[in-house]
N, C-alpha and C. Protein backbone atom coordinates (compact mmCIF):
# COMPACT_ATOMS: atom_id res chain seq x y z
N MET A 1 -18.95 4.99 11.50
CA MET A 1 -17.61 4.73 11.00
C MET A 1 -17.31 3.24 10.93
N LYS A 2 -18.32 2.41 11.11
CA LYS A 2 -18.09 0.97 11.01
C LYS A 2 -18.42 0.50 9.60
N GLU A 3 -17.43 0.58 8.74
CA GLU A 3 -17.61 0.13 7.37
C GLU A 3 -16.95 -1.23 7.21
N HIS A 4 -17.65 -2.12 6.56
CA HIS A 4 -17.09 -3.45 6.30
C HIS A 4 -16.32 -3.40 4.98
N ILE A 5 -15.06 -3.76 5.02
CA ILE A 5 -14.23 -3.76 3.82
C ILE A 5 -14.07 -5.20 3.35
N ASP A 6 -14.48 -5.46 2.14
CA ASP A 6 -14.33 -6.81 1.58
C ASP A 6 -12.91 -7.00 1.08
N HIS A 7 -12.30 -8.05 1.55
CA HIS A 7 -10.95 -8.40 1.10
C HIS A 7 -11.05 -9.49 0.06
N SER A 8 -10.17 -9.44 -0.90
CA SER A 8 -10.25 -10.41 -1.98
C SER A 8 -9.70 -11.77 -1.59
N GLY A 9 -8.87 -11.82 -0.54
CA GLY A 9 -8.31 -13.08 -0.12
C GLY A 9 -7.17 -13.57 -1.00
N ALA A 10 -6.53 -12.67 -1.69
CA ALA A 10 -5.47 -13.04 -2.62
C ALA A 10 -4.09 -12.86 -1.98
N TRP A 11 -3.99 -13.11 -0.67
CA TRP A 11 -2.71 -12.94 0.01
C TRP A 11 -1.67 -13.93 -0.48
N GLY A 12 -2.09 -15.14 -0.79
CA GLY A 12 -1.16 -16.14 -1.31
C GLY A 12 -0.56 -15.71 -2.63
N LEU A 13 -1.40 -15.18 -3.52
CA LEU A 13 -0.93 -14.70 -4.81
C LEU A 13 0.01 -13.50 -4.64
N ALA A 14 -0.32 -12.62 -3.73
CA ALA A 14 0.53 -11.46 -3.48
C ALA A 14 1.89 -11.90 -2.94
N LEU A 15 1.89 -12.90 -2.07
CA LEU A 15 3.15 -13.41 -1.53
C LEU A 15 4.01 -14.03 -2.62
N ILE A 16 3.39 -14.77 -3.52
CA ILE A 16 4.13 -15.37 -4.63
C ILE A 16 4.75 -14.29 -5.50
N PHE A 17 4.00 -13.24 -5.80
CA PHE A 17 4.53 -12.15 -6.62
C PHE A 17 5.69 -11.44 -5.93
N ILE A 18 5.59 -11.25 -4.63
CA ILE A 18 6.66 -10.60 -3.88
C ILE A 18 7.93 -11.44 -3.90
N VAL A 19 7.78 -12.75 -3.71
CA VAL A 19 8.94 -13.64 -3.73
C VAL A 19 9.60 -13.64 -5.10
N ILE A 20 8.81 -13.72 -6.17
CA ILE A 20 9.37 -13.74 -7.52
C ILE A 20 10.05 -12.42 -7.84
N ALA A 21 9.42 -11.30 -7.50
CA ALA A 21 10.02 -9.99 -7.78
C ALA A 21 11.31 -9.81 -6.99
N SER A 22 11.33 -10.24 -5.73
CA SER A 22 12.55 -10.12 -4.92
C SER A 22 13.67 -10.97 -5.50
N TRP A 23 13.33 -12.18 -5.93
CA TRP A 23 14.34 -13.06 -6.51
C TRP A 23 14.91 -12.46 -7.79
N LEU A 24 14.05 -11.90 -8.64
CA LEU A 24 14.52 -11.31 -9.89
C LEU A 24 15.42 -10.10 -9.62
N LEU A 25 15.02 -9.25 -8.68
CA LEU A 25 15.85 -8.09 -8.36
C LEU A 25 17.20 -8.52 -7.82
N TYR A 26 17.20 -9.51 -6.93
CA TYR A 26 18.46 -9.99 -6.38
C TYR A 26 19.31 -10.64 -7.47
N ARG A 27 18.68 -11.41 -8.32
CA ARG A 27 19.41 -12.16 -9.35
C ARG A 27 20.11 -11.23 -10.33
N TYR A 28 19.46 -10.15 -10.73
CA TYR A 28 20.00 -9.30 -11.79
C TYR A 28 20.64 -8.00 -11.31
N LEU A 29 20.37 -7.59 -10.08
CA LEU A 29 20.90 -6.30 -9.63
C LEU A 29 21.95 -6.43 -8.52
N ALA A 30 22.01 -7.57 -7.86
CA ALA A 30 22.96 -7.73 -6.76
C ALA A 30 24.38 -7.90 -7.31
N PRO A 31 25.38 -7.42 -6.57
CA PRO A 31 26.76 -7.64 -6.98
C PRO A 31 27.08 -9.13 -7.04
N LYS A 32 27.98 -9.50 -7.96
CA LYS A 32 28.28 -10.91 -8.15
C LYS A 32 29.42 -11.40 -7.26
N THR A 33 30.45 -10.61 -7.08
CA THR A 33 31.62 -11.08 -6.36
C THR A 33 31.75 -10.37 -5.02
N TRP A 34 32.64 -10.90 -4.18
CA TRP A 34 32.90 -10.34 -2.87
C TRP A 34 33.41 -8.90 -2.99
N LYS A 35 34.28 -8.65 -3.98
CA LYS A 35 34.83 -7.30 -4.14
C LYS A 35 33.75 -6.30 -4.54
N GLU A 36 32.80 -6.73 -5.34
CA GLU A 36 31.70 -5.82 -5.71
C GLU A 36 30.82 -5.50 -4.50
N TRP A 37 30.61 -6.51 -3.62
CA TRP A 37 29.84 -6.25 -2.41
C TRP A 37 30.60 -5.27 -1.51
N ALA A 38 31.90 -5.46 -1.41
CA ALA A 38 32.72 -4.59 -0.54
C ALA A 38 32.74 -3.16 -1.10
N SER A 39 32.86 -3.02 -2.42
CA SER A 39 32.91 -1.67 -3.00
C SER A 39 31.56 -1.00 -2.92
N ALA A 40 30.48 -1.79 -2.81
CA ALA A 40 29.15 -1.20 -2.67
C ALA A 40 28.90 -0.72 -1.24
N GLY A 41 29.80 -1.06 -0.33
CA GLY A 41 29.68 -0.62 1.05
C GLY A 41 28.79 -1.50 1.90
N VAL A 42 28.48 -2.70 1.42
CA VAL A 42 27.61 -3.60 2.16
C VAL A 42 28.38 -4.38 3.20
N VAL A 43 29.61 -4.71 2.88
CA VAL A 43 30.43 -5.54 3.79
C VAL A 43 31.23 -4.63 4.69
């Protein structure tokens, strides 16, 4: 059961993609004003 798994080493690229995707989701899907945040039940 000792199998060697080769990793591609692309963790930096994966991190960049995660940051960009998170920023885009927040930028376009997050409520804009305080009242929208409150009505969404976040506050």
